[in-house]
């Protein structure tokens, strides 16, 4: 389980949704979202460097995710994000579902993922999505989707910054996992 679960299998409470969304914006702060998105693949690779297979599969504590699961989640989240970005750009206010990240982690067997493959998948998907987002016009950035849990979200002022904040929260989670399992943590 991630530190802030966004569990879509049960009806999310408005307060929980607000806390989750606010945590993403707080993590981003005043940083430029597209820069964060561009920097994350290299930062993610650095954040997992030097881990043994046992360490990469060891969760922070029982019931929480391991580094391997976090990285696979980021790869799958990038796949979902790419779909959402494309739907927003191609359709008028599409209604898009949330998803239960913990259910995905369990049923898609994130614990069995290959870390190197997940890193490569994430980097490839991120490069494709960045190319798309960098071509977006100001009108494109004002386009919205209707998220099943969070309501209307615009591409430029909500979706992109939330994905950047999501990256930063999970990079912090990896640092925390490394500390919890006794793996050296870089100052990066």
N, C-alpha and C. Protein backbone atom coordinates (compact mmCIF):
# COMPACT_ATOMS: atom_id res chain seq x y z
N UNK A 1 0.84 -1.17 0.00
CA UNK A 1 0.00 0.00 0.00
C UNK A 1 0.89 1.23 0.00
N UNK A 2 0.50 2.20 -0.79
CA UNK A 2 1.22 3.46 -0.84
C UNK A 2 0.93 4.25 0.43
N UNK A 3 1.74 5.28 0.67
CA UNK A 3 1.57 6.08 1.89
C UNK A 3 0.23 6.79 1.93
N UNK A 4 -0.24 7.31 0.79
CA UNK A 4 -1.56 7.95 0.70
C UNK A 4 -2.32 7.17 -0.34
N UNK A 5 -3.11 6.25 0.11
CA UNK A 5 -3.82 5.41 -0.83
C UNK A 5 -4.98 6.17 -1.46
N UNK A 6 -5.11 6.04 -2.76
CA UNK A 6 -6.22 6.62 -3.50
C UNK A 6 -7.06 5.45 -3.98
N UNK A 7 -7.76 4.85 -3.06
CA UNK A 7 -8.46 3.59 -3.28
C UNK A 7 -9.81 3.84 -3.93
N UNK A 8 -9.94 3.42 -5.17
CA UNK A 8 -11.18 3.64 -5.91
C UNK A 8 -12.17 2.49 -5.75
N UNK A 9 -11.79 1.44 -5.04
CA UNK A 9 -12.71 0.30 -4.91
C UNK A 9 -13.81 0.59 -3.90
N UNK A 10 -13.57 1.55 -3.03
CA UNK A 10 -14.62 2.00 -2.12
C UNK A 10 -14.85 3.46 -2.41
N UNK A 11 -16.02 3.94 -2.09
CA UNK A 11 -16.34 5.34 -2.37
C UNK A 11 -15.40 6.24 -1.57
N UNK A 12 -14.62 7.02 -2.28
CA UNK A 12 -13.68 7.93 -1.63
C UNK A 12 -14.46 9.05 -0.97
N UNK A 13 -14.07 9.37 0.24
CA UNK A 13 -14.69 10.46 0.97
C UNK A 13 -14.12 11.78 0.46
N UNK A 14 -14.94 12.81 0.34
CA UNK A 14 -14.44 14.10 -0.16
C UNK A 14 -13.22 14.61 0.60
N UNK A 15 -13.19 14.43 1.93
CA UNK A 15 -12.04 14.89 2.71
C UNK A 15 -10.77 14.13 2.33
N UNK A 16 -10.90 12.81 2.11
CA UNK A 16 -9.75 12.00 1.72
C UNK A 16 -9.23 12.43 0.35
N UNK A 17 -10.14 12.68 -0.56
CA UNK A 17 -9.75 13.12 -1.90
C UNK A 17 -9.03 14.45 -1.80
N UNK A 18 -9.57 15.37 -1.01
CA UNK A 18 -8.95 16.69 -0.85
C UNK A 18 -7.55 16.57 -0.26
N UNK A 19 -7.38 15.75 0.76
CA UNK A 19 -6.07 15.54 1.38
C UNK A 19 -5.08 14.99 0.36
N UNK A 20 -5.53 14.01 -0.41
CA UNK A 20 -4.66 13.41 -1.43
C UNK A 20 -4.23 14.45 -2.47
N UNK A 21 -5.19 15.17 -3.02
CA UNK A 21 -4.88 16.17 -4.05
C UNK A 21 -3.99 17.27 -3.48
N UNK A 22 -4.32 17.76 -2.29
CA UNK A 22 -3.50 18.81 -1.67
C UNK A 22 -2.08 18.35 -1.44
N UNK A 23 -1.91 17.07 -1.08
CA UNK A 23 -0.56 16.55 -0.84
C UNK A 23 0.28 16.58 -2.12
N UNK A 24 -0.37 16.38 -3.26
CA UNK A 24 0.36 16.41 -4.53
C UNK A 24 0.79 17.83 -4.87
N UNK A 25 -0.12 18.79 -4.69
CA UNK A 25 0.23 20.19 -4.95
C UNK A 25 1.29 20.69 -3.97
N UNK A 26 1.20 20.27 -2.71
CA UNK A 26 2.20 20.67 -1.72
C UNK A 26 3.57 20.10 -2.06
N UNK A 27 3.61 18.87 -2.51
CA UNK A 27 4.89 18.27 -2.89
C UNK A 27 5.53 19.04 -4.04
N UNK A 28 4.73 19.49 -4.98
CA UNK A 28 5.25 20.24 -6.12
C UNK A 28 5.70 21.63 -5.71
N UNK A 29 4.96 22.27 -4.83
CA UNK A 29 5.32 23.62 -4.42
C UNK A 29 5.33 24.56 -5.62
N UNK A 30 6.39 25.34 -5.74
CA UNK A 30 6.49 26.32 -6.82
C UNK A 30 7.29 25.81 -8.01
N UNK A 31 7.63 24.54 -8.00
CA UNK A 31 8.42 23.98 -9.11
C UNK A 31 7.60 23.92 -10.39
N UNK A 32 8.27 23.98 -11.52
CA UNK A 32 7.64 23.91 -12.84
C UNK A 32 7.29 22.44 -13.12
N UNK A 33 6.00 22.13 -13.30
CA UNK A 33 5.59 20.73 -13.44
C UNK A 33 6.27 19.98 -14.58
N UNK A 34 6.38 20.58 -15.75
CA UNK A 34 7.00 19.84 -16.87
C UNK A 34 8.48 19.56 -16.60
N UNK A 35 9.15 20.44 -15.89
CA UNK A 35 10.55 20.18 -15.53
C UNK A 35 10.64 18.99 -14.59
N UNK A 36 9.75 18.95 -13.60
CA UNK A 36 9.73 17.81 -12.67
C UNK A 36 9.46 16.53 -13.43
N UNK A 37 8.48 16.56 -14.32
CA UNK A 37 8.16 15.35 -15.10
C UNK A 37 9.36 14.91 -15.93
N UNK A 38 10.09 15.86 -16.50
CA UNK A 38 11.26 15.52 -17.32
C UNK A 38 12.41 14.97 -16.48
N UNK A 39 12.55 15.45 -15.26
CA UNK A 39 13.66 15.04 -14.40
C UNK A 39 13.42 13.71 -13.69
N UNK A 40 12.17 13.31 -13.56
CA UNK A 40 11.86 12.16 -12.73
C UNK A 40 12.49 10.84 -13.18
N UNK A 41 12.52 10.50 -14.48
CA UNK A 41 13.13 9.20 -14.81
C UNK A 41 14.56 9.05 -14.29
N UNK A 42 15.38 10.08 -14.45
CA UNK A 42 16.76 10.00 -13.95
C UNK A 42 16.78 10.01 -12.42
N UNK A 43 15.94 10.83 -11.81
CA UNK A 43 15.88 10.87 -10.34
C UNK A 43 15.41 9.53 -9.79
N UNK A 44 14.47 8.89 -10.46
CA UNK A 44 13.97 7.60 -10.02
C UNK A 44 15.07 6.54 -10.11
N UNK A 45 15.80 6.55 -11.20
CA UNK A 45 16.90 5.60 -11.36
C UNK A 45 17.95 5.80 -10.26
N UNK A 46 18.28 7.06 -9.97
CA UNK A 46 19.25 7.34 -8.89
C UNK A 46 18.70 6.89 -7.54
N UNK A 47 17.39 7.06 -7.34
CA UNK A 47 16.80 6.74 -6.03
C UNK A 47 16.83 5.25 -5.71
N UNK A 48 16.93 4.40 -6.72
CA UNK A 48 16.94 2.96 -6.49
C UNK A 48 18.33 2.35 -6.65
N UNK A 49 19.30 3.17 -7.01
CA UNK A 49 20.66 2.67 -7.26
C UNK A 49 21.24 2.00 -6.03
N UNK A 50 21.91 0.89 -6.27
CA UNK A 50 22.64 0.20 -5.21
C UNK A 50 21.82 -0.74 -4.35
N UNK A 51 20.54 -0.87 -4.63
CA UNK A 51 19.72 -1.79 -3.84
C UNK A 51 19.95 -3.23 -4.30
N UNK A 52 19.98 -4.13 -3.36
CA UNK A 52 20.04 -5.55 -3.70
C UNK A 52 18.62 -6.00 -4.07
N UNK A 53 18.48 -7.15 -4.73
CA UNK A 53 17.13 -7.65 -5.00
C UNK A 53 16.28 -7.82 -3.74
N UNK A 54 16.90 -8.24 -2.65
CA UNK A 54 16.15 -8.39 -1.40
C UNK A 54 15.69 -7.02 -0.91
N UNK A 55 16.57 -6.03 -0.94
CA UNK A 55 16.20 -4.68 -0.49
C UNK A 55 15.10 -4.07 -1.35
N UNK A 56 15.20 -4.24 -2.66
CA UNK A 56 14.18 -3.63 -3.53
C UNK A 56 12.81 -4.26 -3.34
N UNK A 57 12.76 -5.47 -2.80
CA UNK A 57 11.49 -6.15 -2.56
C UNK A 57 11.01 -6.08 -1.12
N UNK A 58 11.74 -5.37 -0.25
CA UNK A 58 11.37 -5.29 1.16
C UNK A 58 10.50 -4.05 1.40
N UNK A 59 9.30 -4.24 1.92
CA UNK A 59 8.44 -3.09 2.17
C UNK A 59 8.94 -2.25 3.35
N UNK A 60 8.49 -1.04 3.36
CA UNK A 60 8.81 -0.10 4.44
C UNK A 60 8.40 -0.68 5.80
N UNK A 61 7.23 -1.25 5.83
CA UNK A 61 6.71 -1.96 7.00
C UNK A 61 5.56 -2.84 6.49
N UNK A 62 5.10 -3.77 7.31
CA UNK A 62 4.02 -4.66 6.84
C UNK A 62 2.82 -3.86 6.32
N UNK A 63 2.29 -4.31 5.20
CA UNK A 63 1.13 -3.66 4.60
C UNK A 63 1.46 -2.47 3.72
N UNK A 64 2.74 -2.13 3.61
CA UNK A 64 3.16 -1.00 2.77
C UNK A 64 3.93 -1.56 1.57
N UNK A 65 4.21 -0.68 0.62
CA UNK A 65 4.89 -1.10 -0.60
C UNK A 65 6.40 -1.13 -0.43
N UNK A 66 7.02 -1.94 -1.30
CA UNK A 66 8.47 -1.98 -1.44
C UNK A 66 8.88 -1.01 -2.55
N UNK A 67 10.16 -0.78 -2.69
CA UNK A 67 10.67 0.06 -3.78
C UNK A 67 10.22 -0.51 -5.12
N UNK A 68 10.32 -1.81 -5.28
CA UNK A 68 9.92 -2.45 -6.54
C UNK A 68 8.45 -2.14 -6.86
N UNK A 69 7.60 -2.22 -5.86
CA UNK A 69 6.18 -1.95 -6.07
C UNK A 69 5.94 -0.47 -6.40
N UNK A 70 6.66 0.43 -5.76
CA UNK A 70 6.52 1.85 -6.05
C UNK A 70 6.90 2.14 -7.50
N UNK A 71 8.01 1.57 -7.95
CA UNK A 71 8.46 1.82 -9.32
C UNK A 71 7.48 1.24 -10.33
N UNK A 72 6.96 0.05 -10.07
CA UNK A 72 5.96 -0.52 -10.98
C UNK A 72 4.69 0.32 -10.97
N UNK A 73 4.31 0.83 -9.81
CA UNK A 73 3.16 1.72 -9.72
C UNK A 73 3.39 2.97 -10.58
N UNK A 74 4.57 3.55 -10.51
CA UNK A 74 4.86 4.74 -11.31
C UNK A 74 4.75 4.43 -12.80
N UNK A 75 5.23 3.26 -13.22
CA UNK A 75 5.13 2.89 -14.63
C UNK A 75 3.66 2.74 -15.04
N UNK A 76 2.87 2.06 -14.23
CA UNK A 76 1.46 1.90 -14.56
C UNK A 76 0.70 3.22 -14.47
N UNK A 77 1.05 4.04 -13.51
CA UNK A 77 0.42 5.35 -13.39
C UNK A 77 0.72 6.21 -14.61
N UNK A 78 1.91 6.07 -15.15
CA UNK A 78 2.27 6.83 -16.36
C UNK A 78 1.46 6.34 -17.56
N UNK A 79 1.18 5.05 -17.60
CA UNK A 79 0.32 4.51 -18.65
C UNK A 79 -1.09 5.09 -18.53
N UNK A 80 -1.63 5.11 -17.31
CA UNK A 80 -2.95 5.68 -17.07
C UNK A 80 -2.94 7.17 -17.41
N UNK A 81 -1.91 7.89 -16.98
CA UNK A 81 -1.81 9.31 -17.27
C UNK A 81 -1.79 9.58 -18.75
N UNK A 82 -1.03 8.79 -19.49
CA UNK A 82 -0.97 8.97 -20.94
C UNK A 82 -2.32 8.79 -21.59
N UNK A 83 -3.08 7.82 -21.13
CA UNK A 83 -4.44 7.63 -21.64
C UNK A 83 -5.30 8.84 -21.31
N UNK A 84 -5.23 9.28 -20.06
CA UNK A 84 -6.04 10.43 -19.65
C UNK A 84 -5.68 11.68 -20.44
N UNK A 85 -4.39 11.95 -20.59
CA UNK A 85 -3.96 13.14 -21.35
C UNK A 85 -4.52 13.09 -22.76
N UNK A 86 -4.43 11.94 -23.38
CA UNK A 86 -4.90 11.80 -24.76
C UNK A 86 -6.42 11.94 -24.86
N UNK A 87 -7.13 11.39 -23.89
CA UNK A 87 -8.59 11.53 -23.88
C UNK A 87 -8.99 12.99 -23.72
N UNK A 88 -8.33 13.70 -22.83
CA UNK A 88 -8.64 15.12 -22.62
C UNK A 88 -8.37 15.93 -23.88
N UNK A 89 -7.26 15.64 -24.53
CA UNK A 89 -6.90 16.40 -25.73
C UNK A 89 -7.79 16.08 -26.92
N UNK A 90 -8.29 14.86 -27.00
CA UNK A 90 -9.05 14.43 -28.17
C UNK A 90 -10.56 14.51 -28.00
N UNK A 91 -11.05 14.57 -26.78
CA UNK A 91 -12.49 14.54 -26.51
C UNK A 91 -12.89 15.74 -25.68
N UNK A 92 -14.16 16.06 -25.70
CA UNK A 92 -14.67 17.17 -24.91
C UNK A 92 -15.12 16.67 -23.55
N UNK A 93 -14.39 17.11 -22.52
CA UNK A 93 -14.70 16.78 -21.12
C UNK A 93 -15.04 15.31 -20.92
N UNK A 94 -14.13 14.41 -21.29
CA UNK A 94 -14.43 12.99 -21.11
C UNK A 94 -14.55 12.63 -19.62
N UNK A 95 -15.43 11.69 -19.35
CA UNK A 95 -15.55 11.16 -17.99
C UNK A 95 -14.61 9.97 -17.87
N UNK A 96 -13.71 10.07 -16.92
CA UNK A 96 -12.69 9.04 -16.76
C UNK A 96 -12.71 8.49 -15.34
N UNK A 97 -12.56 7.17 -15.21
CA UNK A 97 -12.64 6.57 -13.88
C UNK A 97 -11.33 6.73 -13.10
N UNK A 98 -11.47 6.70 -11.78
CA UNK A 98 -10.31 6.52 -10.94
C UNK A 98 -9.96 5.04 -10.95
N UNK A 99 -8.89 4.70 -10.28
CA UNK A 99 -8.56 3.27 -10.18
C UNK A 99 -7.95 3.01 -8.81
N UNK A 100 -8.08 1.80 -8.37
CA UNK A 100 -7.60 1.38 -7.06
C UNK A 100 -6.15 0.93 -7.21
N UNK A 101 -5.22 1.80 -6.82
CA UNK A 101 -3.80 1.49 -7.01
C UNK A 101 -3.36 0.28 -6.18
N UNK A 102 -3.97 0.08 -5.03
CA UNK A 102 -3.59 -1.08 -4.22
C UNK A 102 -4.09 -2.38 -4.85
N UNK A 103 -5.27 -2.33 -5.46
CA UNK A 103 -5.79 -3.50 -6.17
C UNK A 103 -4.91 -3.82 -7.37
N UNK A 104 -4.48 -2.77 -8.09
CA UNK A 104 -3.56 -3.00 -9.20
C UNK A 104 -2.27 -3.64 -8.69
N UNK A 105 -1.72 -3.11 -7.61
CA UNK A 105 -0.47 -3.65 -7.07
C UNK A 105 -0.62 -5.12 -6.71
N UNK A 106 -1.75 -5.47 -6.12
CA UNK A 106 -1.98 -6.85 -5.73
C UNK A 106 -2.23 -7.76 -6.94
N UNK A 107 -3.20 -7.40 -7.75
CA UNK A 107 -3.63 -8.29 -8.83
C UNK A 107 -2.69 -8.31 -10.02
N UNK A 108 -1.93 -7.23 -10.20
CA UNK A 108 -0.94 -7.20 -11.29
C UNK A 108 0.43 -7.63 -10.78
N UNK A 109 0.48 -8.10 -9.56
CA UNK A 109 1.67 -8.69 -8.92
C UNK A 109 2.90 -7.78 -9.00
N UNK A 110 2.73 -6.56 -8.51
CA UNK A 110 3.86 -5.63 -8.49
C UNK A 110 5.06 -6.19 -7.74
N UNK A 111 4.81 -7.02 -6.73
CA UNK A 111 5.94 -7.56 -5.96
C UNK A 111 6.82 -8.46 -6.82
N UNK A 112 6.29 -8.96 -7.94
CA UNK A 112 7.06 -9.83 -8.84
C UNK A 112 7.67 -9.07 -10.02
N UNK A 113 7.49 -7.77 -10.06
CA UNK A 113 7.99 -6.97 -11.18
C UNK A 113 9.52 -6.99 -11.21
N UNK A 114 10.06 -6.83 -12.39
CA UNK A 114 11.50 -6.66 -12.54
C UNK A 114 11.79 -5.17 -12.47
N UNK A 115 12.62 -4.76 -11.53
CA UNK A 115 12.87 -3.34 -11.30
C UNK A 115 13.42 -2.66 -12.55
N UNK A 116 14.36 -3.25 -13.20
CA UNK A 116 14.97 -2.64 -14.39
C UNK A 116 13.94 -2.46 -15.50
N UNK A 117 13.09 -3.44 -15.69
CA UNK A 117 12.04 -3.34 -16.71
C UNK A 117 11.05 -2.24 -16.36
N UNK A 118 10.67 -2.17 -15.09
CA UNK A 118 9.73 -1.12 -14.66
C UNK A 118 10.34 0.27 -14.85
N UNK A 119 11.63 0.43 -14.54
CA UNK A 119 12.30 1.72 -14.76
C UNK A 119 12.31 2.09 -16.24
N UNK A 120 12.61 1.11 -17.09
CA UNK A 120 12.65 1.36 -18.53
C UNK A 120 11.26 1.69 -19.07
N UNK A 121 10.25 0.95 -18.61
CA UNK A 121 8.87 1.22 -19.04
C UNK A 121 8.47 2.63 -18.64
N UNK A 122 8.76 3.01 -17.40
CA UNK A 122 8.42 4.34 -16.93
C UNK A 122 9.09 5.41 -17.79
N UNK A 123 10.38 5.26 -18.04
CA UNK A 123 11.12 6.26 -18.82
C UNK A 123 10.56 6.38 -20.24
N UNK A 124 10.23 5.27 -20.86
CA UNK A 124 9.68 5.29 -22.21
C UNK A 124 8.31 5.97 -22.24
N UNK A 125 7.44 5.57 -21.33
CA UNK A 125 6.10 6.16 -21.28
C UNK A 125 6.18 7.65 -20.96
N UNK A 126 7.06 8.03 -20.05
CA UNK A 126 7.20 9.44 -19.69
C UNK A 126 7.68 10.25 -20.90
N UNK A 127 8.63 9.72 -21.66
CA UNK A 127 9.12 10.44 -22.84
C UNK A 127 7.98 10.66 -23.84
N UNK A 128 7.16 9.65 -24.06
CA UNK A 128 6.01 9.79 -24.97
C UNK A 128 5.03 10.84 -24.46
N UNK A 129 4.74 10.80 -23.17
CA UNK A 129 3.78 11.74 -22.60
C UNK A 129 4.33 13.17 -22.59
N UNK A 130 5.60 13.33 -22.31
CA UNK A 130 6.19 14.67 -22.34
C UNK A 130 6.14 15.27 -23.74
N UNK A 131 6.43 14.46 -24.72
CA UNK A 131 6.36 14.96 -26.11
C UNK A 131 4.96 15.47 -26.41
N UNK A 132 3.96 14.73 -26.00
CA UNK A 132 2.58 15.13 -26.20
C UNK A 132 2.26 16.43 -25.44
N UNK A 133 2.63 16.49 -24.18
CA UNK A 133 2.30 17.64 -23.34
C UNK A 133 3.02 18.90 -23.78
N UNK A 134 4.24 18.76 -24.26
CA UNK A 134 4.99 19.94 -24.71
C UNK A 134 4.41 20.53 -25.99
N UNK A 135 3.66 19.75 -26.75
CA UNK A 135 3.01 20.26 -27.96
C UNK A 135 1.66 20.90 -27.66
N UNK A 136 1.19 20.78 -26.44
CA UNK A 136 -0.13 21.30 -26.08
C UNK A 136 -0.15 22.83 -26.18
N UNK A 137 -1.21 23.35 -26.76
CA UNK A 137 -1.39 24.79 -26.88
C UNK A 137 -2.03 25.32 -25.60
N UNK A 138 -2.05 26.65 -25.41
CA UNK A 138 -2.77 27.19 -24.25
C UNK A 138 -4.23 26.74 -24.20
N UNK A 139 -4.89 26.66 -25.35
CA UNK A 139 -6.27 26.16 -25.37
C UNK A 139 -6.33 24.69 -24.95
N UNK A 140 -5.37 23.90 -25.39
CA UNK A 140 -5.32 22.50 -24.99
C UNK A 140 -5.19 22.37 -23.47
N UNK A 141 -4.36 23.21 -22.88
CA UNK A 141 -4.10 23.13 -21.44
C UNK A 141 -5.33 23.49 -20.60
N UNK A 142 -6.29 24.18 -21.19
CA UNK A 142 -7.52 24.53 -20.49
C UNK A 142 -8.58 23.42 -20.61
N UNK A 143 -8.34 22.42 -21.43
CA UNK A 143 -9.30 21.33 -21.59
C UNK A 143 -9.41 20.55 -20.29
N UNK A 144 -10.56 19.95 -20.06
CA UNK A 144 -10.81 19.26 -18.79
C UNK A 144 -11.27 17.83 -19.01
N UNK A 145 -11.07 17.06 -17.95
CA UNK A 145 -11.70 15.74 -17.85
C UNK A 145 -12.59 15.77 -16.62
N UNK A 146 -13.53 14.87 -16.59
CA UNK A 146 -14.38 14.69 -15.40
C UNK A 146 -13.93 13.41 -14.71
N UNK A 147 -13.16 13.59 -13.67
CA UNK A 147 -12.66 12.44 -12.91
C UNK A 147 -13.80 11.91 -12.04
N UNK A 148 -13.93 10.60 -11.98
CA UNK A 148 -15.05 10.00 -11.27
C UNK A 148 -15.07 10.31 -9.78
N UNK A 149 -13.93 10.62 -9.19
CA UNK A 149 -13.87 10.92 -7.76
C UNK A 149 -13.63 12.39 -7.46
N UNK A 150 -12.94 13.09 -8.37
CA UNK A 150 -12.47 14.44 -8.06
C UNK A 150 -13.17 15.53 -8.87
N UNK A 151 -14.03 15.15 -9.78
CA UNK A 151 -14.73 16.15 -10.58
C UNK A 151 -13.88 16.67 -11.72
N UNK A 152 -14.21 17.87 -12.21
CA UNK A 152 -13.51 18.46 -13.35
C UNK A 152 -12.07 18.83 -12.99
N UNK A 153 -11.15 18.43 -13.85
CA UNK A 153 -9.73 18.77 -13.69
C UNK A 153 -9.20 19.22 -15.04
N UNK A 154 -8.57 20.39 -15.05
CA UNK A 154 -8.00 20.87 -16.31
C UNK A 154 -6.62 20.26 -16.50
N UNK A 155 -6.26 20.11 -17.75
CA UNK A 155 -4.97 19.51 -18.09
C UNK A 155 -3.82 20.33 -17.53
N UNK A 156 -3.83 21.65 -17.79
CA UNK A 156 -2.69 22.47 -17.43
C UNK A 156 -2.60 22.87 -15.97
N UNK A 157 -3.72 23.20 -15.35
CA UNK A 157 -3.63 23.70 -13.99
C UNK A 157 -3.83 22.64 -12.92
N UNK A 158 -4.31 21.46 -13.31
CA UNK A 158 -4.52 20.42 -12.32
C UNK A 158 -3.83 19.10 -12.68
N UNK A 159 -4.14 18.55 -13.84
CA UNK A 159 -3.64 17.21 -14.15
C UNK A 159 -2.11 17.16 -14.20
N UNK A 160 -1.50 18.04 -14.96
CA UNK A 160 -0.04 18.00 -15.10
C UNK A 160 0.65 18.28 -13.76
N UNK A 161 0.25 19.33 -13.02
CA UNK A 161 0.88 19.54 -11.71
C UNK A 161 0.67 18.36 -10.75
N UNK A 162 -0.51 17.73 -10.81
CA UNK A 162 -0.75 16.60 -9.92
C UNK A 162 0.18 15.43 -10.26
N UNK A 163 0.41 15.18 -11.54
CA UNK A 163 1.33 14.10 -11.91
C UNK A 163 2.75 14.41 -11.45
N UNK A 164 3.16 15.69 -11.53
CA UNK A 164 4.49 16.07 -11.06
C UNK A 164 4.59 15.90 -9.55
N UNK A 165 3.57 16.34 -8.82
CA UNK A 165 3.56 16.14 -7.38
C UNK A 165 3.55 14.67 -7.00
N UNK A 166 2.85 13.87 -7.79
CA UNK A 166 2.81 12.42 -7.58
C UNK A 166 4.21 11.84 -7.70
N UNK A 167 4.95 12.28 -8.70
CA UNK A 167 6.35 11.84 -8.84
C UNK A 167 7.14 12.15 -7.58
N UNK A 168 7.04 13.39 -7.12
CA UNK A 168 7.84 13.83 -5.98
C UNK A 168 7.45 13.10 -4.70
N UNK A 169 6.18 12.84 -4.51
CA UNK A 169 5.74 12.09 -3.32
C UNK A 169 6.31 10.67 -3.33
N UNK A 170 6.33 10.04 -4.52
CA UNK A 170 6.85 8.67 -4.57
C UNK A 170 8.38 8.64 -4.48
N UNK A 171 9.06 9.65 -4.96
CA UNK A 171 10.51 9.71 -4.75
C UNK A 171 10.81 9.85 -3.26
N UNK A 172 10.03 10.65 -2.56
CA UNK A 172 10.18 10.78 -1.10
C UNK A 172 9.85 9.46 -0.41
N UNK A 173 8.85 8.75 -0.92
CA UNK A 173 8.50 7.45 -0.36
C UNK A 173 9.66 6.47 -0.50
N UNK A 174 10.32 6.48 -1.64
CA UNK A 174 11.48 5.58 -1.84
C UNK A 174 12.59 5.93 -0.86
N UNK A 175 12.85 7.22 -0.64
CA UNK A 175 13.86 7.60 0.36
C UNK A 175 13.47 7.07 1.74
N UNK A 176 12.20 7.18 2.08
CA UNK A 176 11.72 6.71 3.38
C UNK A 176 11.85 5.19 3.49
N UNK A 177 11.52 4.47 2.41
CA UNK A 177 11.66 3.01 2.42
C UNK A 177 13.11 2.63 2.62
N UNK A 178 14.01 3.31 1.90
CA UNK A 178 15.45 3.01 2.05
C UNK A 178 15.88 3.18 3.49
N UNK A 179 15.43 4.26 4.12
CA UNK A 179 15.77 4.48 5.54
C UNK A 179 15.21 3.36 6.40
N UNK A 180 13.97 2.99 6.17
CA UNK A 180 13.30 1.98 7.01
C UNK A 180 13.97 0.62 6.90
N UNK A 181 14.51 0.29 5.73
CA UNK A 181 15.11 -1.04 5.55
C UNK A 181 16.62 -1.01 5.75
N UNK A 182 17.16 0.16 6.11
CA UNK A 182 18.60 0.26 6.41
C UNK A 182 19.48 0.38 5.19
N UNK A 183 18.92 0.76 4.04
CA UNK A 183 19.72 0.98 2.83
C UNK A 183 20.20 2.42 2.82
N UNK A 184 21.43 2.67 2.39
CA UNK A 184 21.92 4.05 2.35
C UNK A 184 21.00 4.93 1.50
N UNK A 185 20.81 6.16 1.97
CA UNK A 185 19.95 7.13 1.28
C UNK A 185 20.85 8.25 0.78
N UNK A 186 20.76 8.52 -0.53
CA UNK A 186 21.56 9.62 -1.08
C UNK A 186 20.90 10.94 -0.73
N UNK A 187 21.64 12.02 -0.86
CA UNK A 187 21.11 13.35 -0.57
C UNK A 187 20.36 13.91 -1.77
N UNK A 188 20.25 13.14 -2.84
CA UNK A 188 19.58 13.58 -4.08
C UNK A 188 18.12 13.83 -3.89
